[in-house]
Amino acid sequence: MLSNLESEISGVEDDLLEGRTKNYTKDILMLKNKLLFLKKHYEPLLDIVEDLTENENKIIDKKSIAYFVILFNRIERLNRKVGNLRDYVTQIRESYQAQLDINLNNTMKLFTVLTAVFSPLTLIAGWYDNTSI
């Protein structure tokens, strides 16, 4: 499941870097929600397995504790991977926001040039309009 999510995140990143025009906000939010869902499930599992490995009541034998330690390490590794994927999605969101900012800056440049061209003309037309009254 994490590999599929990682592929999906890479696909969104590739689309974003290729400049495809699409609103990626929903995709990014969906990915973050999936990863949050996984994180919410891994953390309680870590707590449970950690309590089992502590074996305070001496109910579990040493051989079984070794298996719980292995399980704890695997869950911890998966939880770290979820954290890394969440960071990856955050970086993609920041890249997307930067791309939107660049597009907005280009639009503002166009409006600035148009304003610089038409402002003197408007001033001259207004001046001659006032002198004819």
C-alpha atoms as a PDB file:
ATOM      1  CA  MET A   1       0.000   0.000   0.000  1.00  0.00           C
ATOM      2  CA  LEU A   2       2.823   2.403   0.810  1.00  0.00           C
ATOM      3  CA  SER A   3       4.516   1.603  -2.496  1.00  0.00           C
ATOM      4  CA  ASN A   4       1.298   2.408  -4.347  1.00  0.00           C
ATOM      5  CA  LEU A   5       0.983   5.680  -2.451  1.00  0.00           C
ATOM      6  CA  GLU A   6       4.596   6.503  -3.239  1.00  0.00           C
ATOM      7  CA  SER A   7       3.959   5.842  -6.945  1.00  0.00           C
ATOM      8  CA  GLU A   8       0.850   8.000  -6.820  1.00  0.00           C
ATOM      9  CA  ILE A   9       2.784  10.833  -5.175  1.00  0.00           C
ATOM     10  CA  SER A  10       5.530  10.526  -7.806  1.00  0.00           C
ATOM     11  CA  GLY A  11       2.894  10.679 -10.538  1.00  0.00           C
ATOM     12  CA  VAL A  12       1.490  13.915  -9.129  1.00  0.00           C
ATOM     13  CA  GLU A  13       5.012  15.313  -8.893  1.00  0.00           C
ATOM     14  CA  ASP A  14       5.797  14.335 -12.497  1.00  0.00           C
ATOM     15  CA  ASP A  15       2.565  15.934 -13.737  1.00  0.00           C
ATOM     16  CA  LEU A  16       3.338  19.058 -11.785  1.00  0.00           C
ATOM     17  CA  LEU A  17       6.900  19.327 -13.072  1.00  0.00           C
ATOM     18  CA  GLU A  18       5.797  18.750 -16.663  1.00  0.00           C
ATOM     19  CA  GLY A  19       3.565  21.786 -16.306  1.00  0.00           C
ATOM     20  CA  ARG A  20       0.251  20.087 -16.896  1.00  0.00           C
ATOM     21  CA  THR A  21      -2.517  22.498 -16.049  1.00  0.00           C
ATOM     22  CA  LYS A  22      -4.674  20.919 -13.436  1.00  0.00           C
ATOM     23  CA  ASN A  23      -5.842  21.771  -9.960  1.00  0.00           C
ATOM     24  CA  TYR A  24      -3.673  19.501  -7.827  1.00  0.00           C
ATOM     25  CA  THR A  25      -5.072  20.728  -4.520  1.00  0.00           C
ATOM     26  CA  LYS A  26      -7.591  17.891  -4.246  1.00  0.00           C
ATOM     27  CA  ASP A  27      -4.991  15.266  -5.187  1.00  0.00           C
ATOM     28  CA  ILE A  28      -2.527  16.561  -2.609  1.00  0.00           C
ATOM     29  CA  LEU A  29      -5.190  16.746   0.077  1.00  0.00           C
ATOM     30  CA  MET A  30      -6.350  13.195  -0.711  1.00  0.00           C
ATOM     31  CA  LEU A  31      -2.777  11.888  -0.433  1.00  0.00           C
ATOM     32  CA  LYS A  32      -2.235  13.689   2.870  1.00  0.00           C
ATOM     33  CA  ASN A  33      -5.464  12.228   4.240  1.00  0.00           C
ATOM     34  CA  LYS A  34      -4.474   8.689   3.231  1.00  0.00           C
ATOM     35  CA  LEU A  35      -1.108   9.092   4.920  1.00  0.00           C
ATOM     36  CA  LEU A  36      -2.708  10.563   8.030  1.00  0.00           C
ATOM     37  CA  PHE A  37      -5.051   7.577   8.151  1.00  0.00           C
ATOM     38  CA  LEU A  38      -2.069   5.206   8.068  1.00  0.00           C
ATOM     39  CA  LYS A  39      -0.215   7.218  10.690  1.00  0.00           C
ATOM     40  CA  LYS A  40      -3.215   7.054  13.006  1.00  0.00           C
ATOM     41  CA  HIS A  41      -3.160   3.261  12.719  1.00  0.00           C
ATOM     42  CA  TYR A  42       0.580   2.713  13.080  1.00  0.00           C
ATOM     43  CA  GLU A  43       1.046   4.785  16.226  1.00  0.00           C
ATOM     44  CA  PRO A  44      -1.373   2.780  18.428  1.00  0.00           C
ATOM     45  CA  LEU A  45       0.134  -0.438  17.073  1.00  0.00           C
ATOM     46  CA  LEU A  46       3.557   0.810  18.103  1.00  0.00           C
ATOM     47  CA  ASP A  47       2.279   1.544  21.596  1.00  0.00           C
ATOM     48  CA  ILE A  48       0.690  -1.897  21.956  1.00  0.00           C
ATOM     49  CA  VAL A  49       3.715  -3.802  20.680  1.00  0.00           C
ATOM     50  CA  GLU A  50       6.061  -1.686  22.785  1.00  0.00           C
ATOM     51  CA  ASP A  51       4.042  -2.544  25.889  1.00  0.00           C
ATOM     52  CA  LEU A  52       4.178  -6.223  24.955  1.00  0.00           C
ATOM     53  CA  THR A  53       7.953  -6.148  24.490  1.00  0.00           C
ATOM     54  CA  GLU A  54       8.433  -4.567  27.917  1.00  0.00           C
ATOM     55  CA  ASN A  55       6.753  -7.673  29.410  1.00  0.00           C
ATOM     56  CA  GLU A  56       6.302  -6.135  32.843  1.00  0.00           C
ATOM     57  CA  ASN A  57       4.235  -9.064  34.150  1.00  0.00           C
ATOM     58  CA  LYS A  58       6.632 -11.695  32.771  1.00  0.00           C
ATOM     59  CA  ILE A  59       3.766 -13.429  30.955  1.00  0.00           C
ATOM     60  CA  ILE A  60       5.530 -13.740  27.598  1.00  0.00           C
ATOM     61  CA  ASP A  61       8.602 -15.936  27.138  1.00  0.00           C
ATOM     62  CA  LYS A  62      11.898 -14.630  25.719  1.00  0.00           C
ATOM     63  CA  LYS A  63      11.440 -16.231  22.298  1.00  0.00           C
ATOM     64  CA  SER A  64       8.048 -14.567  21.819  1.00  0.00           C
ATOM     65  CA  ILE A  65       9.434 -11.230  22.962  1.00  0.00           C
ATOM     66  CA  ALA A  66      12.033 -11.489  20.192  1.00  0.00           C
ATOM     67  CA  TYR A  67       9.211 -11.763  17.671  1.00  0.00           C
ATOM     68  CA  PHE A  68       7.472  -8.748  19.178  1.00  0.00           C
ATOM     69  CA  VAL A  69      10.715  -6.783  18.900  1.00  0.00           C
ATOM     70  CA  ILE A  70      10.898  -7.703  15.210  1.00  0.00           C
ATOM     71  CA  LEU A  71       7.261  -6.661  14.790  1.00  0.00           C
ATOM     72  CA  PHE A  72       7.933  -3.400  16.620  1.00  0.00           C
ATOM     73  CA  ASN A  73      10.886  -2.621  14.339  1.00  0.00           C
ATOM     74  CA  ARG A  74       8.812  -3.298  11.214  1.00  0.00           C
ATOM     75  CA  ILE A  75       5.918  -1.137  12.366  1.00  0.00           C
ATOM     76  CA  GLU A  76       8.348   1.611  13.338  1.00  0.00           C
ATOM     77  CA  ARG A  77       9.983   1.428   9.906  1.00  0.00           C
ATOM     78  CA  LEU A  78       6.582   1.647   8.199  1.00  0.00           C
ATOM     79  CA  ASN A  79       5.616   4.565  10.417  1.00  0.00           C
ATOM     80  CA  ARG A  80       8.836   6.375   9.465  1.00  0.00           C
ATOM     81  CA  LYS A  81       8.099   5.722   5.798  1.00  0.00           C
ATOM     82  CA  VAL A  82       4.636   7.257   6.241  1.00  0.00           C
ATOM     83  CA  GLY A  83       6.316  10.292   7.828  1.00  0.00           C
ATOM     84  CA  ASN A  84       8.743  10.543   4.913  1.00  0.00           C
ATOM     85  CA  LEU A  85       5.883  10.312   2.418  1.00  0.00           C
ATOM     86  CA  ARG A  86       4.022  13.049   4.298  1.00  0.00           C
ATOM     87  CA  ASP A  87       7.132  15.240   3.997  1.00  0.00           C
ATOM     88  CA  TYR A  88       7.281  14.376   0.284  1.00  0.00           C
ATOM     89  CA  VAL A  89       3.644  15.438  -0.186  1.00  0.00           C
ATOM     90  CA  THR A  90       4.384  18.676   1.683  1.00  0.00           C
ATOM     91  CA  GLN A  91       7.284  19.382  -0.680  1.00  0.00           C
ATOM     92  CA  ILE A  92       5.024  18.737  -3.668  1.00  0.00           C
ATOM     93  CA  ARG A  93       2.409  21.101  -2.242  1.00  0.00           C
ATOM     94  CA  GLU A  94       5.074  23.777  -1.804  1.00  0.00           C
ATOM     95  CA  SER A  95       6.270  23.209  -5.384  1.00  0.00           C
ATOM     96  CA  TYR A  96       2.709  23.519  -6.633  1.00  0.00           C
ATOM     97  CA  GLN A  97       2.233  26.730  -4.665  1.00  0.00           C
ATOM     98  CA  ALA A  98       5.499  28.094  -6.087  1.00  0.00           C
ATOM     99  CA  GLN A  99       4.300  27.257  -9.614  1.00  0.00           C
ATOM    100  CA  LEU A 100       1.024  29.097  -8.948  1.00  0.00           C
ATOM    101  CA  ASP A 101       2.974  32.077  -7.629  1.00  0.00           C
ATOM    102  CA  ILE A 102       5.143  32.149 -10.758  1.00  0.00           C
ATOM    103  CA  ASN A 103       2.053  32.098 -12.983  1.00  0.00           C
ATOM    104  CA  LEU A 104       0.503  34.912 -10.956  1.00  0.00           C
ATOM    105  CA  ASN A 105       3.724  36.932 -11.205  1.00  0.00           C
ATOM    106  CA  ASN A 106       3.706  36.532 -14.989  1.00  0.00           C
ATOM    107  CA  THR A 107       0.109  37.776 -15.109  1.00  0.00           C
ATOM    108  CA  MET A 108       1.001  40.746 -12.928  1.00  0.00           C
ATOM    109  CA  LYS A 109       3.919  41.581 -15.246  1.00  0.00           C
ATOM    110  CA  LEU A 110       1.518  41.678 -18.186  1.00  0.00           C
ATOM    111  CA  PHE A 111      -0.867  43.987 -16.329  1.00  0.00           C
ATOM    112  CA  THR A 112       2.036  46.231 -15.318  1.00  0.00           C
ATOM    113  CA  VAL A 113       3.162  46.588 -18.937  1.00  0.00           C
ATOM    114  CA  LEU A 114      -0.391  47.314 -20.078  1.00  0.00           C
ATOM    115  CA  THR A 115      -0.772  49.917 -17.351  1.00  0.00           C
ATOM    116  CA  ALA A 116       2.540  51.536 -18.290  1.00  0.00           C
ATOM    117  CA  VAL A 117       1.444  51.746 -21.935  1.00  0.00           C
ATOM    118  CA  PHE A 118      -2.091  53.035 -21.404  1.00  0.00           C
ATOM    119  CA  SER A 119      -1.594  55.368 -18.413  1.00  0.00           C
ATOM    120  CA  PRO A 120       0.171  58.124 -20.412  1.00  0.00           C
ATOM    121  CA  LEU A 121      -2.442  57.842 -23.149  1.00  0.00           C
ATOM    122  CA  THR A 122      -5.226  58.172 -20.599  1.00  0.00           C
ATOM    123  CA  LEU A 123      -3.491  61.166 -19.043  1.00  0.00           C
ATOM    124  CA  ILE A 124      -3.113  62.918 -22.402  1.00  0.00           C
ATOM    125  CA  ALA A 125      -6.690  62.148 -23.411  1.00  0.00           C
ATOM    126  CA  GLY A 126      -7.956  63.451 -20.076  1.00  0.00           C
ATOM    127  CA  TRP A 127      -5.894  66.598 -20.347  1.00  0.00           C
ATOM    128  CA  TYR A 128      -7.172  67.426 -23.837  1.00  0.00           C
ATOM    129  CA  ASP A 129     -10.710  66.579 -22.766  1.00  0.00           C
ATOM    130  CA  ASN A 130     -10.495  69.108 -19.911  1.00  0.00           C
ATOM    131  CA  THR A 131      -9.029  71.844 -22.132  1.00  0.00           C
ATOM    132  CA  SER A 132     -11.901  71.603 -24.608  1.00  0.00           C
ATOM    133  CA  ILE A 133     -14.501  72.452 -21.941  1.00  0.00           C
END
